Amino acid sequence: MPYRVMIPEGEVALDHILNRVGTDSLLASRQQMFKTVYTNHDTTLTPREREGMRILLTAIMGCPICNSLRMWRDYPGFCDEEIPEAFYQNALDKNFGWEGFSKRESLVIEFADRFANHIDGLNGDDAFWEKMHANFSEKEIGDICYFNGCWLGAGHTLKAMGIGSVCEILPGHDSSVIERLRNPA
């Protein structure tokens, strides 16, 4: 599947689509959203909680680039400690009962799955919401919804434009692309 916008010769498609396609004000908004989501030091959600949600949504969206990212490794400033690969695999497997997850991690990963795949059932599941409220503050629940909405919306946008099906970069292959996504010129 081709890209759905023209990519100028010599530019990386992901960089071009995220930082050049759209009006200046919306591009600035998107850039601020990504910076806020990935380097948000206001939220009390842990890096592991955010990564559990993010990795599951990348798999649902089918983006090999995002799915191969490990934010602790590939996005300086995200967190200072390694998140083991078993954490990612169990999130991808939707193994909500894995003993390596905290109760909160298990809940946010289940939330991400339901947010992306079962939104109608999510709203109506009082028992699930009781668990959410027992483990998260109202602010944290707001953050959880915002993070999921950003990742799912960005994933749909990129997929619609061909990213994920024909992208030529993977993390570690061209670190300058990740840096340009963090700090566009």
C-alpha atoms as a PDB file:
ATOM      1  CA  MET A   1       0.000   0.000   0.000  1.00  0.00           C
ATOM      2  CA  PRO A   2       1.488   3.373  -0.950  1.00  0.00           C
ATOM      3  CA  TYR A   3       1.610   6.462   1.180  1.00  0.00           C
ATOM      4  CA  ARG A   4      -1.505   8.580   0.747  1.00  0.00           C
ATOM      5  CA  VAL A   5       0.407  11.871   0.546  1.00  0.00           C
ATOM      6  CA  MET A   6       3.443  12.822  -1.511  1.00  0.00           C
ATOM      7  CA  ILE A   7       6.706  12.237   0.338  1.00  0.00           C
ATOM      8  CA  PRO A   8       9.428  14.535  -1.006  1.00  0.00           C
ATOM      9  CA  GLU A   9      12.575  12.799  -2.166  1.00  0.00           C
ATOM     10  CA  GLY A  10      15.108  12.483   0.610  1.00  0.00           C
ATOM     11  CA  GLU A  11      12.557  12.806   3.440  1.00  0.00           C
ATOM     12  CA  VAL A  12      11.496  10.045   5.788  1.00  0.00           C
ATOM     13  CA  ALA A  13       7.767   9.403   5.413  1.00  0.00           C
ATOM     14  CA  LEU A  14       6.985   9.230   9.141  1.00  0.00           C
ATOM     15  CA  ASP A  15       8.855  12.457   9.824  1.00  0.00           C
ATOM     16  CA  HIS A  16       7.193  14.197   6.872  1.00  0.00           C
ATOM     17  CA  ILE A  17       3.645  13.095   7.727  1.00  0.00           C
ATOM     18  CA  LEU A  18       3.930  13.936  11.421  1.00  0.00           C
ATOM     19  CA  ASN A  19       5.743  17.243  11.009  1.00  0.00           C
ATOM     20  CA  ARG A  20       4.841  18.688   7.586  1.00  0.00           C
ATOM     21  CA  VAL A  21       1.377  17.477   6.517  1.00  0.00           C
ATOM     22  CA  GLY A  22      -1.288  19.791   7.897  1.00  0.00           C
ATOM     23  CA  THR A  23      -1.714  23.407   8.901  1.00  0.00           C
ATOM     24  CA  ASP A  24       0.870  24.989  11.168  1.00  0.00           C
ATOM     25  CA  SER A  25      -1.448  25.289  14.158  1.00  0.00           C
ATOM     26  CA  LEU A  26      -2.566  21.644  13.984  1.00  0.00           C
ATOM     27  CA  LEU A  27       1.018  20.446  13.452  1.00  0.00           C
ATOM     28  CA  ALA A  28       2.071  22.426  16.524  1.00  0.00           C
ATOM     29  CA  SER A  29      -0.790  20.883  18.466  1.00  0.00           C
ATOM     30  CA  ARG A  30       0.205  17.365  17.377  1.00  0.00           C
ATOM     31  CA  GLN A  31       3.836  18.007  18.280  1.00  0.00           C
ATOM     32  CA  GLN A  32       2.839  19.319  21.712  1.00  0.00           C
ATOM     33  CA  MET A  33       0.527  16.352  22.235  1.00  0.00           C
ATOM     34  CA  PHE A  34       3.350  13.866  21.554  1.00  0.00           C
ATOM     35  CA  LYS A  35       5.767  15.726  23.812  1.00  0.00           C
ATOM     36  CA  THR A  36       3.161  15.829  26.566  1.00  0.00           C
ATOM     37  CA  VAL A  37       2.227  12.160  26.224  1.00  0.00           C
ATOM     38  CA  TYR A  38       5.792  10.849  26.160  1.00  0.00           C
ATOM     39  CA  THR A  39       7.524  13.202  28.585  1.00  0.00           C
ATOM     40  CA  ASN A  40       4.624  14.065  30.888  1.00  0.00           C
ATOM     41  CA  HIS A  41       6.065  14.526  34.340  1.00  0.00           C
ATOM     42  CA  ASP A  42       2.726  15.768  35.754  1.00  0.00           C
ATOM     43  CA  THR A  43       0.978  12.429  35.522  1.00  0.00           C
ATOM     44  CA  THR A  44       1.249   9.978  38.380  1.00  0.00           C
ATOM     45  CA  LEU A  45       0.861   7.081  35.963  1.00  0.00           C
ATOM     46  CA  THR A  46       4.149   5.198  35.919  1.00  0.00           C
ATOM     47  CA  PRO A  47       6.188   4.634  32.772  1.00  0.00           C
ATOM     48  CA  ARG A  48       5.291   0.935  32.985  1.00  0.00           C
ATOM     49  CA  GLU A  49       1.578   1.753  33.155  1.00  0.00           C
ATOM     50  CA  ARG A  50       1.875   4.019  30.117  1.00  0.00           C
ATOM     51  CA  GLU A  51       3.990   1.506  28.204  1.00  0.00           C
ATOM     52  CA  GLY A  52       1.533  -1.308  28.894  1.00  0.00           C
ATOM     53  CA  MET A  53      -1.267   0.710  27.319  1.00  0.00           C
ATOM     54  CA  ARG A  54       0.850   2.019  24.443  1.00  0.00           C
ATOM     55  CA  ILE A  55       2.308  -1.316  23.377  1.00  0.00           C
ATOM     56  CA  LEU A  56      -1.071  -3.015  23.280  1.00  0.00           C
ATOM     57  CA  LEU A  57      -2.536  -0.204  21.167  1.00  0.00           C
ATOM     58  CA  THR A  58       0.406  -0.372  18.727  1.00  0.00           C
ATOM     59  CA  ALA A  59      -0.316  -4.060  18.214  1.00  0.00           C
ATOM     60  CA  ILE A  60      -4.015  -3.393  17.699  1.00  0.00           C
ATOM     61  CA  MET A  61      -3.105  -0.727  15.125  1.00  0.00           C
ATOM     62  CA  GLY A  62      -0.601  -3.069  13.466  1.00  0.00           C
ATOM     63  CA  CYS A  63       2.272  -0.584  13.290  1.00  0.00           C
ATOM     64  CA  PRO A  64       5.608  -2.430  13.267  1.00  0.00           C
ATOM     65  CA  ILE A  65       7.554   0.757  14.007  1.00  0.00           C
ATOM     66  CA  CYS A  66       5.586   1.725  17.100  1.00  0.00           C
ATOM     67  CA  ASN A  67       5.404  -1.893  18.197  1.00  0.00           C
ATOM     68  CA  SER A  68       9.190  -2.242  18.082  1.00  0.00           C
ATOM     69  CA  LEU A  69       9.727   0.931  20.117  1.00  0.00           C
ATOM     70  CA  ARG A  70      10.597   0.555  23.755  1.00  0.00           C
ATOM     71  CA  MET A  71      10.124   4.027  25.176  1.00  0.00           C
ATOM     72  CA  TRP A  72      12.519   3.445  28.098  1.00  0.00           C
ATOM     73  CA  ARG A  73      15.236   2.642  25.524  1.00  0.00           C
ATOM     74  CA  ASP A  74      14.283   4.720  22.473  1.00  0.00           C
ATOM     75  CA  TYR A  75      12.894   7.963  23.876  1.00  0.00           C
ATOM     76  CA  PRO A  76      15.340   9.757  26.172  1.00  0.00           C
ATOM     77  CA  GLY A  77      13.573  11.310  29.131  1.00  0.00           C
ATOM     78  CA  PHE A  78      10.743   8.772  29.213  1.00  0.00           C
ATOM     79  CA  CYS A  79      12.154   6.852  32.189  1.00  0.00           C
ATOM     80  CA  ASP A  80      15.443   5.813  33.706  1.00  0.00           C
ATOM     81  CA  GLU A  81      14.839   2.114  34.247  1.00  0.00           C
ATOM     82  CA  GLU A  82      14.578  -0.786  31.850  1.00  0.00           C
ATOM     83  CA  ILE A  83      11.206  -2.378  31.322  1.00  0.00           C
ATOM     84  CA  PRO A  84      11.731  -6.101  30.717  1.00  0.00           C
ATOM     85  CA  GLU A  85      10.653  -7.680  27.457  1.00  0.00           C
ATOM     86  CA  ALA A  86       8.414 -10.122  29.371  1.00  0.00           C
ATOM     87  CA  PHE A  87       6.330  -7.110  30.435  1.00  0.00           C
ATOM     88  CA  TYR A  88       5.741  -6.154  26.794  1.00  0.00           C
ATOM     89  CA  GLN A  89       4.983  -9.708  25.702  1.00  0.00           C
ATOM     90  CA  ASN A  90       2.426 -10.260  28.459  1.00  0.00           C
ATOM     91  CA  ALA A  91       0.755  -6.931  27.627  1.00  0.00           C
ATOM     92  CA  LEU A  92       0.614  -7.942  23.961  1.00  0.00           C
ATOM     93  CA  ASP A  93      -0.797 -11.339  24.940  1.00  0.00           C
ATOM     94  CA  LYS A  94      -3.445  -9.592  27.094  1.00  0.00           C
ATOM     95  CA  ASN A  95      -2.317 -11.760  29.963  1.00  0.00           C
ATOM     96  CA  PHE A  96      -3.919  -9.448  32.524  1.00  0.00           C
ATOM     97  CA  GLY A  97      -3.242 -11.933  35.342  1.00  0.00           C
ATOM     98  CA  TRP A  98       0.521 -12.129  34.765  1.00  0.00           C
ATOM     99  CA  GLU A  99       2.317 -12.029  38.113  1.00  0.00           C
ATOM    100  CA  GLY A 100       4.795  -9.464  36.768  1.00  0.00           C
ATOM    101  CA  PHE A 101       2.056  -6.827  36.480  1.00  0.00           C
ATOM    102  CA  SER A 102       0.968  -4.717  39.392  1.00  0.00           C
ATOM    103  CA  LYS A 103      -2.799  -4.459  39.892  1.00  0.00           C
ATOM    104  CA  ARG A 104      -2.710  -0.991  38.299  1.00  0.00           C
ATOM    105  CA  GLU A 105      -0.672  -2.171  35.307  1.00  0.00           C
ATOM    106  CA  SER A 106      -3.080  -5.027  34.699  1.00  0.00           C
ATOM    107  CA  LEU A 107      -6.058  -2.661  34.873  1.00  0.00           C
ATOM    108  CA  VAL A 108      -4.657  -0.065  32.449  1.00  0.00           C
ATOM    109  CA  ILE A 109      -3.688  -2.736  29.935  1.00  0.00           C
ATOM    110  CA  GLU A 110      -7.184  -4.204  30.140  1.00  0.00           C
ATOM    111  CA  PHE A 111      -8.561  -0.669  29.827  1.00  0.00           C
ATOM    112  CA  ALA A 112      -6.530  -0.110  26.629  1.00  0.00           C
ATOM    113  CA  ASP A 113      -7.852  -3.352  25.150  1.00  0.00           C
ATOM    114  CA  ARG A 114     -11.430  -2.458  25.990  1.00  0.00           C
ATOM    115  CA  PHE A 115     -10.979   1.176  24.869  1.00  0.00           C
ATOM    116  CA  ALA A 116      -9.821   0.020  21.436  1.00  0.00           C
ATOM    117  CA  ASN A 117     -11.954  -3.087  20.958  1.00  0.00           C
ATOM    118  CA  HIS A 118     -14.974  -3.001  23.264  1.00  0.00           C
ATOM    119  CA  ILE A 119     -15.803   0.637  23.994  1.00  0.00           C
ATOM    120  CA  ASP A 120     -19.544   0.047  24.333  1.00  0.00           C
ATOM    121  CA  GLY A 121     -19.001  -2.662  26.946  1.00  0.00           C
ATOM    122  CA  LEU A 122     -16.409  -0.566  28.757  1.00  0.00           C
ATOM    123  CA  ASN A 123     -18.818   2.222  29.612  1.00  0.00           C
ATOM    124  CA  GLY A 124     -21.478  -0.161  30.890  1.00  0.00           C
ATOM    125  CA  ASP A 125     -19.225  -2.370  33.045  1.00  0.00           C
ATOM    126  CA  ASP A 126     -19.819  -1.069  36.569  1.00  0.00           C
ATOM    127  CA  ALA A 127     -17.646  -3.760  38.177  1.00  0.00           C
ATOM    128  CA  PHE A 128     -14.670  -2.785  36.029  1.00  0.00           C
ATOM    129  CA  TRP A 129     -15.166   0.902  36.848  1.00  0.00           C
ATOM    130  CA  GLU A 130     -15.321   0.082  40.557  1.00  0.00           C
ATOM    131  CA  LYS A 131     -11.863  -1.520  40.202  1.00  0.00           C
ATOM    132  CA  MET A 132     -10.623   1.515  38.272  1.00  0.00           C
ATOM    133  CA  HIS A 133     -11.856   3.906  40.960  1.00  0.00           C
ATOM    134  CA  ALA A 134     -10.400   1.731  43.717  1.00  0.00           C
ATOM    135  CA  ASN A 135      -6.944   1.922  42.110  1.00  0.00           C
ATOM    136  CA  PHE A 136      -6.791   5.289  40.329  1.00  0.00           C
ATOM    137  CA  SER A 137      -7.677   8.872  41.168  1.00  0.00           C
ATOM    138  CA  GLU A 138     -10.083  10.863  38.981  1.00  0.00           C
ATOM    139  CA  LYS A 139      -7.069  12.711  37.493  1.00  0.00           C
ATOM    140  CA  GLU A 140      -5.371   9.440  36.657  1.00  0.00           C
ATOM    141  CA  ILE A 141      -8.506   8.085  34.996  1.00  0.00           C
ATOM    142  CA  GLY A 142      -8.602  11.262  32.914  1.00  0.00           C
ATOM    143  CA  ASP A 143      -4.945  10.728  31.968  1.00  0.00           C
ATOM    144  CA  ILE A 144      -5.617   7.089  31.071  1.00  0.00           C
ATOM    145  CA  CYS A 145      -8.445   8.129  28.731  1.00  0.00           C
ATOM    146  CA  TYR A 146      -6.366  10.921  27.175  1.00  0.00           C
ATOM    147  CA  PHE A 147      -3.323   8.695  26.587  1.00  0.00           C
ATOM    148  CA  ASN A 148      -5.451   5.994  24.960  1.00  0.00           C
ATOM    149  CA  GLY A 149      -7.290   8.531  22.814  1.00  0.00           C
ATOM    150  CA  CYS A 150      -4.027  10.106  21.632  1.00  0.00           C
ATOM    151  CA  TRP A 151      -2.385   6.799  20.770  1.00  0.00           C
ATOM    152  CA  LEU A 152      -5.432   5.335  19.083  1.00  0.00           C
ATOM    153  CA  GLY A 153      -6.169   8.537  17.144  1.00  0.00           C
ATOM    154  CA  ALA A 154      -2.559   8.982  16.036  1.00  0.00           C
ATOM    155  CA  GLY A 155      -2.371   5.309  15.090  1.00  0.00           C
ATOM    156  CA  HIS A 156      -5.513   5.523  12.953  1.00  0.00           C
ATOM    157  CA  THR A 157      -4.216   8.701  11.310  1.00  0.00           C
ATOM    158  CA  LEU A 158      -0.847   7.201  10.452  1.00  0.00           C
ATOM    159  CA  LYS A 159      -2.368   3.943   9.269  1.00  0.00           C
ATOM    160  CA  ALA A 160      -4.784   5.823   6.993  1.00  0.00           C
ATOM    161  CA  MET A 161      -1.782   7.552   5.380  1.00  0.00           C
ATOM    162  CA  GLY A 162       0.151   4.317   4.840  1.00  0.00           C
ATOM    163  CA  ILE A 163       2.492   4.422   7.834  1.00  0.00           C
ATOM    164  CA  GLY A 164       2.969   0.974   9.280  1.00  0.00           C
ATOM    165  CA  SER A 165       2.494  -0.810   6.011  1.00  0.00           C
ATOM    166  CA  VAL A 166       5.397   0.658   4.078  1.00  0.00           C
ATOM    167  CA  CYS A 167       7.565   2.506   6.637  1.00  0.00           C
ATOM    168  CA  GLU A 168      11.248   2.194   6.039  1.00  0.00           C
ATOM    169  CA  ILE A 169      12.625   3.014   9.470  1.00  0.00           C
ATOM    170  CA  LEU A 170      12.762   1.021  12.638  1.00  0.00           C
ATOM    171  CA  PRO A 171      14.072   2.236  15.996  1.00  0.00           C
ATOM    172  CA  GLY A 172      17.814   1.918  16.261  1.00  0.00           C
ATOM    173  CA  HIS A 173      18.281   2.101  12.499  1.00  0.00           C
ATOM    174  CA  ASP A 174      18.125   5.863  12.240  1.00  0.00           C
ATOM    175  CA  SER A 175      18.069   7.552  15.634  1.00  0.00           C
ATOM    176  CA  SER A 176      17.986  10.966  13.967  1.00  0.00           C
ATOM    177  CA  VAL A 177      14.384  10.261  12.911  1.00  0.00           C
ATOM    178  CA  ILE A 178      13.324   9.710  16.521  1.00  0.00           C
ATOM    179  CA  GLU A 179      15.094  12.938  17.484  1.00  0.00           C
ATOM    180  CA  ARG A 180      13.322  14.866  14.685  1.00  0.00           C
ATOM    181  CA  LEU A 181       9.979  13.472  15.840  1.00  0.00           C
ATOM    182  CA  ARG A 182      10.739  14.724  19.368  1.00  0.00           C
ATOM    183  CA  ASN A 183      12.053  18.116  18.247  1.00  0.00           C
ATOM    184  CA  PRO A 184      10.879  18.970  14.721  1.00  0.00           C
ATOM    185  CA  ALA A 185      12.636  21.783  12.922  1.00  0.00           C
END
